[in-house]
């Protein structure tokens, strides 16, 4: 296993597990497109575990009733 890809794959696996189990039970529909978990998955895939997780966290913090949401692609 490539050392640089290990953390990326681990984070992506955790996100995928969340999407397949808890996301349907815990929260209502995400106000963004793509959803916050999909955005984080794509950010980690594109930018790596650290930067992608940071981008995902910033996105999740914007996901609240006072924000209009809408289309917000991964940079």
PDB file of N, CA and C in Angstrom:
ATOM      1  N   UNK A   1       0.847  -1.179   0.000  1.00  0.00           N
ATOM      2  CA  UNK A   1       0.000   0.000   0.000  1.00  0.00           C
ATOM      3  C   UNK A   1       0.891   1.240   0.000  1.00  0.00           C
ATOM      4  N   UNK A   2       0.552   2.166  -0.839  1.00  0.00           N
ATOM      5  CA  UNK A   2       1.270   3.426  -0.887  1.00  0.00           C
ATOM      6  C   UNK A   2       0.976   4.210   0.391  1.00  0.00           C
ATOM      7  N   UNK A   3       2.016   4.719   1.040  1.00  0.00           N
ATOM      8  CA  UNK A   3       1.869   5.427   2.313  1.00  0.00           C
ATOM      9  C   UNK A   3       1.001   6.669   2.159  1.00  0.00           C
ATOM     10  N   UNK A   4       1.097   7.352   1.048  1.00  0.00           N
ATOM     11  CA  UNK A   4       0.316   8.576   0.841  1.00  0.00           C
ATOM     12  C   UNK A   4      -1.161   8.274   0.596  1.00  0.00           C
ATOM     13  N   UNK A   5      -1.460   7.127   0.036  1.00  0.00           N
ATOM     14  CA  UNK A   5      -2.851   6.784  -0.266  1.00  0.00           C
ATOM     15  C   UNK A   5      -3.572   6.133   0.906  1.00  0.00           C
ATOM     16  N   UNK A   6      -2.840   5.638   1.881  1.00  0.00           N
ATOM     17  CA  UNK A   6      -3.444   4.959   3.027  1.00  0.00           C
ATOM     18  C   UNK A   6      -4.429   5.819   3.791  1.00  0.00           C
ATOM     19  N   UNK A   7      -4.024   7.004   4.252  1.00  0.00           N
ATOM     20  CA  UNK A   7      -4.967   7.869   4.973  1.00  0.00           C
ATOM     21  C   UNK A   7      -6.158   8.285   4.115  1.00  0.00           C
ATOM     22  N   UNK A   8      -5.910   8.555   2.857  1.00  0.00           N
ATOM     23  CA  UNK A   8      -6.992   8.950   1.940  1.00  0.00           C
ATOM     24  C   UNK A   8      -8.034   7.835   1.843  1.00  0.00           C
ATOM     25  N   UNK A   9      -7.565   6.628   1.637  1.00  0.00           N
ATOM     26  CA  UNK A   9      -8.499   5.493   1.519  1.00  0.00           C
ATOM     27  C   UNK A   9      -9.231   5.225   2.820  1.00  0.00           C
ATOM     28  N   UNK A  10      -8.547   5.398   3.946  1.00  0.00           N
ATOM     29  CA  UNK A  10      -9.183   5.176   5.240  1.00  0.00           C
ATOM     30  C   UNK A  10     -10.314   6.175   5.467  1.00  0.00           C
ATOM     31  N   UNK A  11     -10.048   7.452   5.202  1.00  0.00           N
ATOM     32  CA  UNK A  11     -11.085   8.481   5.380  1.00  0.00           C
ATOM     33  C   UNK A  11     -12.241   8.235   4.414  1.00  0.00           C
ATOM     34  N   UNK A  12     -11.926   7.886   3.176  1.00  0.00           N
ATOM     35  CA  UNK A  12     -12.980   7.632   2.195  1.00  0.00           C
ATOM     36  C   UNK A  12     -13.832   6.428   2.602  1.00  0.00           C
ATOM     37  N   UNK A  13     -13.222   5.422   3.193  1.00  0.00           N
ATOM     38  CA  UNK A  13     -13.962   4.249   3.654  1.00  0.00           C
ATOM     39  C   UNK A  13     -14.920   4.604   4.788  1.00  0.00           C
ATOM     40  N   UNK A  14     -14.471   5.447   5.705  1.00  0.00           N
ATOM     41  CA  UNK A  14     -15.328   5.879   6.814  1.00  0.00           C
ATOM     42  C   UNK A  14     -16.515   6.686   6.274  1.00  0.00           C
ATOM     43  N   UNK A  15     -16.262   7.574   5.326  1.00  0.00           N
ATOM     44  CA  UNK A  15     -17.346   8.375   4.740  1.00  0.00           C
ATOM     45  C   UNK A  15     -18.340   7.470   4.025  1.00  0.00           C
ATOM     46  N   UNK A  16     -17.856   6.502   3.257  1.00  0.00           N
ATOM     47  CA  UNK A  16     -18.747   5.591   2.534  1.00  0.00           C
ATOM     48  C   UNK A  16     -19.591   4.783   3.510  1.00  0.00           C
ATOM     49  N   UNK A  17     -18.983   4.314   4.592  1.00  0.00           N
ATOM     50  CA  UNK A  17     -19.738   3.562   5.603  1.00  0.00           C
ATOM     51  C   UNK A  17     -20.829   4.441   6.207  1.00  0.00           C
ATOM     52  N   UNK A  18     -20.509   5.693   6.508  1.00  0.00           N
ATOM     53  CA  UNK A  18     -21.502   6.642   7.026  1.00  0.00           C
ATOM     54  C   UNK A  18     -22.644   6.819   6.021  1.00  0.00           C
ATOM     55  N   UNK A  19     -22.297   7.007   4.755  1.00  0.00           N
ATOM     56  CA  UNK A  19     -23.322   7.218   3.731  1.00  0.00           C
ATOM     57  C   UNK A  19     -24.257   6.024   3.611  1.00  0.00           C
ATOM     58  N   UNK A  20     -23.729   4.836   3.782  1.00  0.00           N
ATOM     59  CA  UNK A  20     -24.538   3.632   3.600  1.00  0.00           C
ATOM     60  C   UNK A  20     -25.340   3.254   4.847  1.00  0.00           C
ATOM     61  N   UNK A  21     -25.026   3.851   5.994  1.00  0.00           N
ATOM     62  CA  UNK A  21     -25.716   3.458   7.224  1.00  0.00           C
ATOM     63  C   UNK A  21     -26.345   4.646   7.938  1.00  0.00           C
ATOM     64  N   UNK A  22     -25.547   5.438   8.587  1.00  0.00           N
ATOM     65  CA  UNK A  22     -26.047   6.474   9.492  1.00  0.00           C
ATOM     66  C   UNK A  22     -26.698   7.668   8.808  1.00  0.00           C
ATOM     67  N   UNK A  23     -26.258   8.036   7.629  1.00  0.00           N
ATOM     68  CA  UNK A  23     -26.783   9.255   7.010  1.00  0.00           C
ATOM     69  C   UNK A  23     -28.294   9.171   6.795  1.00  0.00           C
ATOM     70  N   UNK A  24     -28.807   7.994   6.544  1.00  0.00           N
ATOM     71  CA  UNK A  24     -30.244   7.828   6.310  1.00  0.00           C
ATOM     72  C   UNK A  24     -31.043   7.843   7.613  1.00  0.00           C
ATOM     73  N   UNK A  25     -30.370   7.600   8.716  1.00  0.00           N
ATOM     74  CA  UNK A  25     -31.050   7.529  10.004  1.00  0.00           C
ATOM     75  C   UNK A  25     -30.952   8.816  10.819  1.00  0.00           C
ATOM     76  N   UNK A  26     -29.873   9.579  10.634  1.00  0.00           N
ATOM     77  CA  UNK A  26     -29.577  10.686  11.533  1.00  0.00           C
ATOM     78  C   UNK A  26     -30.103  12.043  11.088  1.00  0.00           C
ATOM     79  N   UNK A  27     -30.005  12.345   9.829  1.00  0.00           N
ATOM     80  CA  UNK A  27     -30.269  13.712   9.402  1.00  0.00           C
ATOM     81  C   UNK A  27     -31.307  13.768   8.295  1.00  0.00           C
ATOM     82  N   UNK A  28     -31.840  14.961   8.099  1.00  0.00           N
ATOM     83  CA  UNK A  28     -32.762  15.179   6.994  1.00  0.00           C
ATOM     84  C   UNK A  28     -31.944  15.464   5.732  1.00  0.00           C
ATOM     85  N   UNK A  29     -32.629  15.838   4.695  1.00  0.00           N
ATOM     86  CA  UNK A  29     -31.992  16.119   3.413  1.00  0.00           C
ATOM     87  C   UNK A  29     -30.976  17.262   3.540  1.00  0.00           C
ATOM     88  N   UNK A  30     -29.812  17.094   2.939  1.00  0.00           N
ATOM     89  CA  UNK A  30     -28.789  18.137   2.949  1.00  0.00           C
ATOM     90  C   UNK A  30     -29.244  19.295   2.069  1.00  0.00           C
ATOM     91  N   UNK A  31     -28.939  20.518   2.479  1.00  0.00           N
ATOM     92  CA  UNK A  31     -29.361  21.701   1.725  1.00  0.00           C
ATOM     93  C   UNK A  31     -28.414  22.026   0.578  1.00  0.00           C
ATOM     94  N   UNK A  32     -27.316  21.293   0.483  1.00  0.00           N
ATOM     95  CA  UNK A  32     -26.336  21.508  -0.580  1.00  0.00           C
ATOM     96  C   UNK A  32     -26.375  20.393  -1.609  1.00  0.00           C
ATOM     97  N   UNK A  33     -25.882  20.697  -2.789  1.00  0.00           N
ATOM     98  CA  UNK A  33     -25.635  19.702  -3.829  1.00  0.00           C
ATOM     99  C   UNK A  33     -24.188  19.852  -4.250  1.00  0.00           C
ATOM    100  N   UNK A  34     -23.390  18.828  -4.210  1.00  0.00           N
ATOM    101  CA  UNK A  34     -23.645  17.509  -3.641  1.00  0.00           C
ATOM    102  C   UNK A  34     -23.796  17.581  -2.117  1.00  0.00           C
ATOM    103  N   UNK A  35     -24.298  16.494  -1.543  1.00  0.00           N
ATOM    104  CA  UNK A  35     -24.490  16.456  -0.087  1.00  0.00           C
ATOM    105  C   UNK A  35     -23.151  16.675   0.616  1.00  0.00           C
ATOM    106  N   UNK A  36     -23.203  17.040   1.877  1.00  0.00           N
ATOM    107  CA  UNK A  36     -21.973  17.316   2.634  1.00  0.00           C
ATOM    108  C   UNK A  36     -21.056  16.091   2.682  1.00  0.00           C
ATOM    109  N   UNK A  37     -21.618  14.913   2.846  1.00  0.00           N
ATOM    110  CA  UNK A  37     -20.767  13.721   2.905  1.00  0.00           C
ATOM    111  C   UNK A  37     -20.153  13.422   1.533  1.00  0.00           C
ATOM    112  N   UNK A  38     -20.916  13.613   0.468  1.00  0.00           N
ATOM    113  CA  UNK A  38     -20.375  13.392  -0.873  1.00  0.00           C
ATOM    114  C   UNK A  38     -19.320  14.445  -1.208  1.00  0.00           C
ATOM    115  N   UNK A  39     -19.559  15.672  -0.814  1.00  0.00           N
ATOM    116  CA  UNK A  39     -18.586  16.751  -0.997  1.00  0.00           C
ATOM    117  C   UNK A  39     -17.276  16.393  -0.293  1.00  0.00           C
ATOM    118  N   UNK A  40     -17.367  15.936   0.952  1.00  0.00           N
ATOM    119  CA  UNK A  40     -16.168  15.575   1.704  1.00  0.00           C
ATOM    120  C   UNK A  40     -15.456  14.398   1.051  1.00  0.00           C
ATOM    121  N   UNK A  41     -16.215  13.409   0.598  1.00  0.00           N
ATOM    122  CA  UNK A  41     -15.638  12.253  -0.085  1.00  0.00           C
ATOM    123  C   UNK A  41     -14.848  12.717  -1.313  1.00  0.00           C
ATOM    124  N   UNK A  42     -15.461  13.577  -2.126  1.00  0.00           N
ATOM    125  CA  UNK A  42     -14.800  14.070  -3.337  1.00  0.00           C
ATOM    126  C   UNK A  42     -13.596  14.953  -3.002  1.00  0.00           C
ATOM    127  N   UNK A  43     -13.702  15.747  -1.942  1.00  0.00           N
ATOM    128  CA  UNK A  43     -12.584  16.602  -1.533  1.00  0.00           C
ATOM    129  C   UNK A  43     -11.395  15.758  -1.076  1.00  0.00           C
ATOM    130  N   UNK A  44     -11.658  14.699  -0.321  1.00  0.00           N
ATOM    131  CA  UNK A  44     -10.584  13.812   0.131  1.00  0.00           C
ATOM    132  C   UNK A  44      -9.985  13.080  -1.065  1.00  0.00           C
ATOM    133  N   UNK A  45     -10.824  12.640  -1.972  1.00  0.00           N
ATOM    134  CA  UNK A  45     -10.354  11.947  -3.170  1.00  0.00           C
ATOM    135  C   UNK A  45      -9.451  12.865  -4.000  1.00  0.00           C
ATOM    136  N   UNK A  46      -9.824  14.119  -4.123  1.00  0.00           N
ATOM    137  CA  UNK A  46      -9.096  15.073  -4.964  1.00  0.00           C
ATOM    138  C   UNK A  46      -7.882  15.686  -4.262  1.00  0.00           C
ATOM    139  N   UNK A  47      -8.018  16.028  -2.974  1.00  0.00           N
ATOM    140  CA  UNK A  47      -6.985  16.803  -2.283  1.00  0.00           C
ATOM    141  C   UNK A  47      -6.224  16.044  -1.200  1.00  0.00           C
ATOM    142  N   UNK A  48      -6.618  14.802  -0.917  1.00  0.00           N
ATOM    143  CA  UNK A  48      -5.949  14.039   0.130  1.00  0.00           C
ATOM    144  C   UNK A  48      -6.718  14.125   1.445  1.00  0.00           C
ATOM    145  N   UNK A  49      -6.298  13.320   2.410  1.00  0.00           N
ATOM    146  CA  UNK A  49      -7.034  13.175   3.672  1.00  0.00           C
ATOM    147  C   UNK A  49      -7.076  14.467   4.484  1.00  0.00           C
ATOM    148  N   UNK A  50      -5.970  15.145   4.613  1.00  0.00           N
ATOM    149  CA  UNK A  50      -5.914  16.320   5.487  1.00  0.00           C
ATOM    150  C   UNK A  50      -6.670  17.514   4.897  1.00  0.00           C
ATOM    151  N   UNK A  51      -6.294  17.941   3.710  1.00  0.00           N
ATOM    152  CA  UNK A  51      -6.951  19.104   3.098  1.00  0.00           C
ATOM    153  C   UNK A  51      -8.409  18.791   2.774  1.00  0.00           C
ATOM    154  N   UNK A  52      -8.685  17.585   2.282  1.00  0.00           N
ATOM    155  CA  UNK A  52     -10.053  17.206   1.963  1.00  0.00           C
ATOM    156  C   UNK A  52     -10.949  17.187   3.185  1.00  0.00           C
ATOM    157  N   UNK A  53     -10.424  16.696   4.308  1.00  0.00           N
ATOM    158  CA  UNK A  53     -11.202  16.696   5.553  1.00  0.00           C
ATOM    159  C   UNK A  53     -11.456  18.117   6.028  1.00  0.00           C
ATOM    160  N   UNK A  54     -10.461  18.981   5.876  1.00  0.00           N
ATOM    161  CA  UNK A  54     -10.612  20.389   6.264  1.00  0.00           C
ATOM    162  C   UNK A  54     -11.700  21.056   5.415  1.00  0.00           C
ATOM    163  N   UNK A  55     -11.665  20.821   4.096  1.00  0.00           N
ATOM    164  CA  UNK A  55     -12.697  21.384   3.221  1.00  0.00           C
ATOM    165  C   UNK A  55     -14.080  20.849   3.608  1.00  0.00           C
ATOM    166  N   UNK A  56     -14.148  19.561   3.923  1.00  0.00           N
ATOM    167  CA  UNK A  56     -15.411  18.960   4.333  1.00  0.00           C
ATOM    168  C   UNK A  56     -15.934  19.545   5.635  1.00  0.00           C
ATOM    169  N   UNK A  57     -15.052  19.763   6.586  1.00  0.00           N
ATOM    170  CA  UNK A  57     -15.452  20.348   7.865  1.00  0.00           C
ATOM    171  C   UNK A  57     -15.988  21.768   7.665  1.00  0.00           C
ATOM    172  N   UNK A  58     -15.299  22.556   6.841  1.00  0.00           N
ATOM    173  CA  UNK A  58     -15.779  23.917   6.575  1.00  0.00           C
ATOM    174  C   UNK A  58     -17.157  23.883   5.906  1.00  0.00           C
ATOM    175  N   UNK A  59     -17.376  22.921   5.036  1.00  0.00           N
ATOM    176  CA  UNK A  59     -18.675  22.788   4.374  1.00  0.00           C
ATOM    177  C   UNK A  59     -19.758  22.413   5.379  1.00  0.00           C
ATOM    178  N   UNK A  60     -19.471  21.455   6.254  1.00  0.00           N
ATOM    179  CA  UNK A  60     -20.447  21.013   7.261  1.00  0.00           C
ATOM    180  C   UNK A  60     -20.825  22.169   8.184  1.00  0.00           C
ATOM    181  N   UNK A  61     -19.854  23.021   8.519  1.00  0.00           N
ATOM    182  CA  UNK A  61     -20.147  24.163   9.374  1.00  0.00           C
ATOM    183  C   UNK A  61     -21.043  25.192   8.685  1.00  0.00           C
ATOM    184  N   UNK A  62     -21.044  25.203   7.367  1.00  0.00           N
ATOM    185  CA  UNK A  62     -21.945  26.108   6.619  1.00  0.00           C
ATOM    186  C   UNK A  62     -23.336  25.517   6.446  1.00  0.00           C
ATOM    187  N   UNK A  63     -23.503  24.250   6.742  1.00  0.00           N
ATOM    188  CA  UNK A  63     -24.776  23.561   6.515  1.00  0.00           C
ATOM    189  C   UNK A  63     -25.685  23.734   7.733  1.00  0.00           C
ATOM    190  N   UNK A  64     -26.482  24.793   7.711  1.00  0.00           N
ATOM    191  CA  UNK A  64     -27.403  25.080   8.804  1.00  0.00           C
ATOM    192  C   UNK A  64     -28.610  25.819   8.234  1.00  0.00           C
ATOM    193  N   UNK A  65     -29.690  25.912   8.991  1.00  0.00           N
ATOM    194  CA  UNK A  65     -30.933  26.492   8.479  1.00  0.00           C
ATOM    195  C   UNK A  65     -30.827  27.941   7.993  1.00  0.00           C
ATOM    196  N   UNK A  66     -29.848  28.697   8.456  1.00  0.00           N
ATOM    197  CA  UNK A  66     -29.735  30.090   8.040  1.00  0.00           C
ATOM    198  C   UNK A  66     -28.963  30.268   6.730  1.00  0.00           C
ATOM    199  N   UNK A  67     -28.344  29.201   6.234  1.00  0.00           N
ATOM    200  CA  UNK A  67     -27.601  29.266   4.969  1.00  0.00           C
ATOM    201  C   UNK A  67     -28.508  28.761   3.850  1.00  0.00           C
ATOM    202  N   UNK A  68     -28.529  29.442   2.711  1.00  0.00           N
ATOM    203  CA  UNK A  68     -29.437  29.032   1.644  1.00  0.00           C
ATOM    204  C   UNK A  68     -29.077  27.707   0.973  1.00  0.00           C
ATOM    205  N   UNK A  69     -27.825  27.264   1.069  1.00  0.00           N
ATOM    206  CA  UNK A  69     -27.425  26.017   0.433  1.00  0.00           C
ATOM    207  C   UNK A  69     -27.261  26.213  -1.063  1.00  0.00           C
ATOM    208  N   UNK A  70     -27.598  25.180  -1.843  1.00  0.00           N
ATOM    209  CA  UNK A  70     -27.471  25.257  -3.294  1.00  0.00           C
ATOM    210  C   UNK A  70     -26.299  24.449  -3.807  1.00  0.00           C
ATOM    211  N   UNK A  71     -25.933  24.708  -5.053  1.00  0.00           N
ATOM    212  CA  UNK A  71     -24.839  23.986  -5.697  1.00  0.00           C
ATOM    213  C   UNK A  71     -23.508  24.521  -5.188  1.00  0.00           C
ATOM    214  N   UNK A  72     -22.652  23.635  -4.701  1.00  0.00           N
ATOM    215  CA  UNK A  72     -21.365  24.016  -4.130  1.00  0.00           C
ATOM    216  C   UNK A  72     -20.357  22.914  -4.430  1.00  0.00           C
ATOM    217  N   UNK A  73     -19.707  22.961  -5.604  1.00  0.00           N
ATOM    218  CA  UNK A  73     -18.769  21.897  -5.973  1.00  0.00           C
ATOM    219  C   UNK A  73     -17.455  21.988  -5.210  1.00  0.00           C
ATOM    220  N   UNK A  74     -16.719  20.908  -5.209  1.00  0.00           N
ATOM    221  CA  UNK A  74     -15.397  20.853  -4.580  1.00  0.00           C
ATOM    222  C   UNK A  74     -14.437  21.703  -5.413  1.00  0.00           C
ATOM    223  N   UNK A  75     -13.661  22.574  -4.766  1.00  0.00           N
ATOM    224  CA  UNK A  75     -12.703  23.394  -5.531  1.00  0.00           C
ATOM    225  C   UNK A  75     -11.557  22.555  -6.078  1.00  0.00           C
TER     226      UNK A  75
END
